[in-house]
Amino acid sequence: MVPPIHLDFDYRRRGSGYTRVQGTPGVAHEVSPKEWPEILPIFREPGRNYPVLRVADYYSTTRVFNFDLGSMPGVQHIAGIRRMTFETTALQRANDRFSYWSAGNYPSIVENITFDVGGLDPNDKSGLEFRIVPFNTFPAPTNNWASVEGIQPFSPNAWMSNGQGAAILWKTRKRFG
């Protein structure tokens, strides 16, 4: 099953100004793990702080999707993209007690990273505390652990590139008394 994807972006048409588009792209296609090195540099060349990743270590837990922006209604002759908001759902194992988002292949200015913990067990959420921690990018904020109502988005408002991102951690709240 392909996760739901929603895009909001400004693109420049050849020989024209910028046009804003919102909506769901055409059909997203799952990329075969054999093709990952062709489109994801982390599987073919080392990064500054990490070695080349082996597809065999990730193919059972990772899925990669590809979609054509040009297939969206009203989009014609993309010459450049100025701004893009990308919303999707990533399912990760709740019992690992963390979830993360990582920037893609192309450097992008990231304004906000927001985690929605609405999918966690409602009976369990009230007894949990959460903390958002950036990785490979900015110093960890000095924010404390917070209840579900106190989760704040991480707002780097800066360039981020492959391997940079943020994680949300959760733990059982200590009970006193």
Protein backbone atom coordinates (compact mmCIF):
# COMPACT_ATOMS: atom_id res chain seq x y z
CA MET A 1 0.00 0.00 0.00
CA VAL A 2 1.35 3.42 -0.98
CA PRO A 3 1.25 5.97 1.87
CA PRO A 4 -0.92 9.04 1.27
CA ILE A 5 1.09 11.95 -0.14
CA HIS A 6 0.06 15.59 -0.35
CA LEU A 7 2.15 18.27 -2.07
CA ASP A 8 2.00 22.05 -2.11
CA PHE A 9 4.69 23.65 -4.30
CA ASP A 10 5.59 26.62 -6.46
CA TYR A 11 7.20 25.78 -9.78
CA ARG A 12 8.52 27.87 -12.64
CA ARG A 13 7.34 27.06 -16.13
CA ARG A 14 9.79 27.43 -18.97
CA GLY A 15 9.56 31.02 -20.18
CA SER A 16 7.08 31.98 -17.45
CA GLY A 17 6.73 32.94 -13.79
CA TYR A 18 5.96 30.75 -10.81
CA THR A 19 2.72 28.78 -10.44
CA ARG A 20 1.42 27.28 -7.22
CA VAL A 21 0.09 23.71 -7.23
CA GLN A 22 -1.58 21.76 -4.42
CA GLY A 23 -2.81 18.22 -4.38
CA THR A 24 -1.90 14.60 -4.64
CA PRO A 25 0.56 13.52 -7.33
CA GLY A 26 -0.33 10.78 -9.74
CA VAL A 27 0.31 7.19 -8.91
CA ALA A 28 3.38 6.66 -6.75
CA HIS A 29 5.41 3.64 -7.80
CA GLU A 30 7.40 1.56 -5.37
CA VAL A 31 11.05 1.44 -6.43
CA SER A 32 12.66 -2.00 -6.50
CA PRO A 33 15.56 -2.35 -4.03
CA LYS A 34 17.78 -3.23 -7.03
CA GLU A 35 17.21 0.34 -8.30
CA TRP A 36 17.91 2.15 -4.99
CA PRO A 37 21.61 2.80 -5.77
CA GLU A 38 20.59 4.53 -9.03
CA ILE A 39 18.39 7.10 -7.26
CA LEU A 40 19.70 7.20 -3.67
CA PRO A 41 23.35 8.21 -3.31
CA ILE A 42 23.56 6.73 0.21
CA PHE A 43 23.52 3.27 -1.40
CA ARG A 44 26.35 3.99 -3.88
CA GLU A 45 28.72 6.57 -2.34
CA PRO A 46 29.86 7.39 1.18
CA GLY A 47 28.71 10.52 2.94
CA ARG A 48 30.78 12.79 5.11
CA ASN A 49 29.83 10.95 8.30
CA TYR A 50 28.75 7.51 7.10
CA PRO A 51 29.87 4.69 4.78
CA VAL A 52 27.97 3.43 1.74
CA LEU A 53 24.85 1.69 3.01
CA ARG A 54 24.10 -1.86 1.92
CA VAL A 55 20.67 -2.38 0.33
CA ALA A 56 20.54 -5.84 1.92
CA ASP A 57 20.51 -4.23 5.38
CA TYR A 58 17.42 -2.13 4.57
CA TYR A 59 15.21 -3.82 1.96
CA SER A 60 13.09 -5.69 4.53
CA THR A 61 12.25 -2.54 6.56
CA THR A 62 12.46 0.33 4.04
CA ARG A 63 10.32 1.27 1.04
CA VAL A 64 11.11 3.91 -1.58
CA PHE A 65 8.44 5.53 -3.76
CA ASN A 66 8.76 7.56 -6.93
CA PHE A 67 6.14 9.84 -8.44
CA ASP A 68 6.04 12.25 -11.36
CA LEU A 69 5.31 15.88 -10.45
CA GLY A 70 4.43 16.50 -14.09
CA SER A 71 1.49 14.11 -13.76
CA MET A 72 -0.33 16.46 -11.38
CA PRO A 73 -3.26 18.38 -12.89
CA GLY A 74 -2.25 21.76 -14.28
CA VAL A 75 1.52 21.17 -14.13
CA GLN A 76 3.36 21.89 -17.38
CA HIS A 77 7.05 22.06 -18.30
CA ILE A 78 8.73 22.32 -14.88
CA ALA A 79 11.88 24.45 -15.14
CA GLY A 80 12.46 24.82 -11.39
CA ILE A 81 10.87 24.48 -7.99
CA ARG A 82 10.99 27.36 -5.52
CA ARG A 83 9.11 25.93 -2.52
CA MET A 84 7.59 22.56 -1.65
CA THR A 85 5.60 21.28 1.30
CA PHE A 86 5.48 17.51 1.45
CA GLU A 87 3.13 15.63 3.77
CA THR A 88 3.12 11.88 4.10
CA THR A 89 2.67 9.16 6.66
CA ALA A 90 5.50 6.85 7.60
CA LEU A 91 4.64 3.83 9.65
CA GLN A 92 7.34 2.80 12.08
CA ARG A 93 7.34 0.32 14.94
CA ALA A 94 5.88 1.93 18.09
CA ASN A 95 7.70 -0.42 20.44
CA ASP A 96 11.06 0.97 19.24
CA ARG A 97 10.10 4.15 21.15
CA PHE A 98 11.30 6.50 18.42
CA SER A 99 10.37 7.65 14.96
CA TYR A 100 12.33 9.90 12.60
CA TRP A 101 12.33 12.00 9.46
CA SER A 102 15.40 12.44 7.29
CA ALA A 103 16.00 14.89 4.44
CA GLY A 104 16.14 13.55 0.90
CA ASN A 105 18.86 13.60 -1.74
CA TYR A 106 18.59 17.27 -2.65
CA PRO A 107 19.37 20.07 -0.20
CA SER A 108 16.20 21.86 0.84
CA ILE A 109 15.25 24.65 3.18
CA VAL A 110 13.23 23.00 5.91
CA GLU A 111 10.96 25.27 7.92
CA ASN A 112 9.27 22.77 10.26
CA ILE A 113 9.34 19.09 11.10
CA THR A 114 6.17 18.02 12.88
CA PHE A 115 5.46 14.62 14.38
CA ASP A 116 1.87 13.45 14.87
CA VAL A 117 1.67 10.75 17.53
CA GLY A 118 -2.07 10.32 17.01
CA GLY A 119 -1.57 6.74 15.85
CA LEU A 120 -0.16 5.58 19.17
CA ASP A 121 -2.44 3.65 21.51
CA PRO A 122 -4.70 6.26 23.20
CA ASN A 123 -4.59 4.33 26.48
CA ASP A 124 -0.79 4.51 26.43
CA LYS A 125 -0.26 8.13 25.24
CA SER A 126 -1.34 9.71 28.51
CA GLY A 127 1.43 7.85 30.32
CA LEU A 128 4.16 8.86 27.85
CA GLU A 129 6.57 11.76 27.54
CA PHE A 130 8.02 12.92 24.22
CA ARG A 131 11.12 14.77 23.04
CA ILE A 132 12.21 15.86 19.56
CA VAL A 133 15.94 15.60 18.85
CA PRO A 134 17.66 16.76 15.62
CA PHE A 135 20.46 14.62 14.17
CA ASN A 136 23.49 15.37 11.97
CA THR A 137 22.52 19.00 11.89
CA PHE A 138 21.88 21.36 14.80
CA PRO A 139 22.76 21.11 18.49
CA ALA A 140 20.07 19.27 20.42
CA PRO A 141 17.62 21.76 21.87
CA THR A 142 17.46 22.01 25.62
CA ASN A 143 13.77 21.18 25.60
CA ASN A 144 12.55 18.84 28.29
CA TRP A 145 10.37 15.82 27.89
CA ALA A 146 6.73 16.84 27.33
CA SER A 147 3.26 15.33 27.42
CA VAL A 148 1.48 14.62 24.14
CA GLU A 149 -0.14 18.09 24.35
CA GLY A 150 3.27 19.76 24.77
CA ILE A 151 4.99 18.40 21.66
CA GLN A 152 6.40 21.32 19.67
CA PRO A 153 7.57 21.07 16.04
CA PHE A 154 11.28 21.28 15.35
CA SER A 155 11.76 24.48 13.32
CA PRO A 156 15.25 24.59 11.80
CA ASN A 157 14.28 27.10 9.07
CA ALA A 158 17.57 26.21 7.39
CA TRP A 159 19.14 24.16 4.63
CA MET A 160 19.08 20.42 5.30
CA SER A 161 20.50 17.67 3.15
CA ASN A 162 20.78 13.91 2.97
CA GLY A 163 21.25 12.31 6.39
CA GLN A 164 20.03 15.30 8.39
CA GLY A 165 16.71 15.23 10.19
CA ALA A 166 14.94 14.87 13.50
CA ALA A 167 13.66 12.06 15.67
CA ILE A 168 10.90 11.94 18.23
CA LEU A 169 11.62 9.82 21.27
CA TRP A 170 9.13 8.64 23.87
CA LYS A 171 9.33 7.04 27.27
CA THR A 172 7.00 6.09 30.08
CA ARG A 173 6.32 9.00 32.40
CA LYS A 174 7.71 8.53 35.88
CA ARG A 175 4.95 8.37 38.45
CA PHE A 176 5.54 9.69 41.93
CA GLY A 177 3.66 8.76 45.04
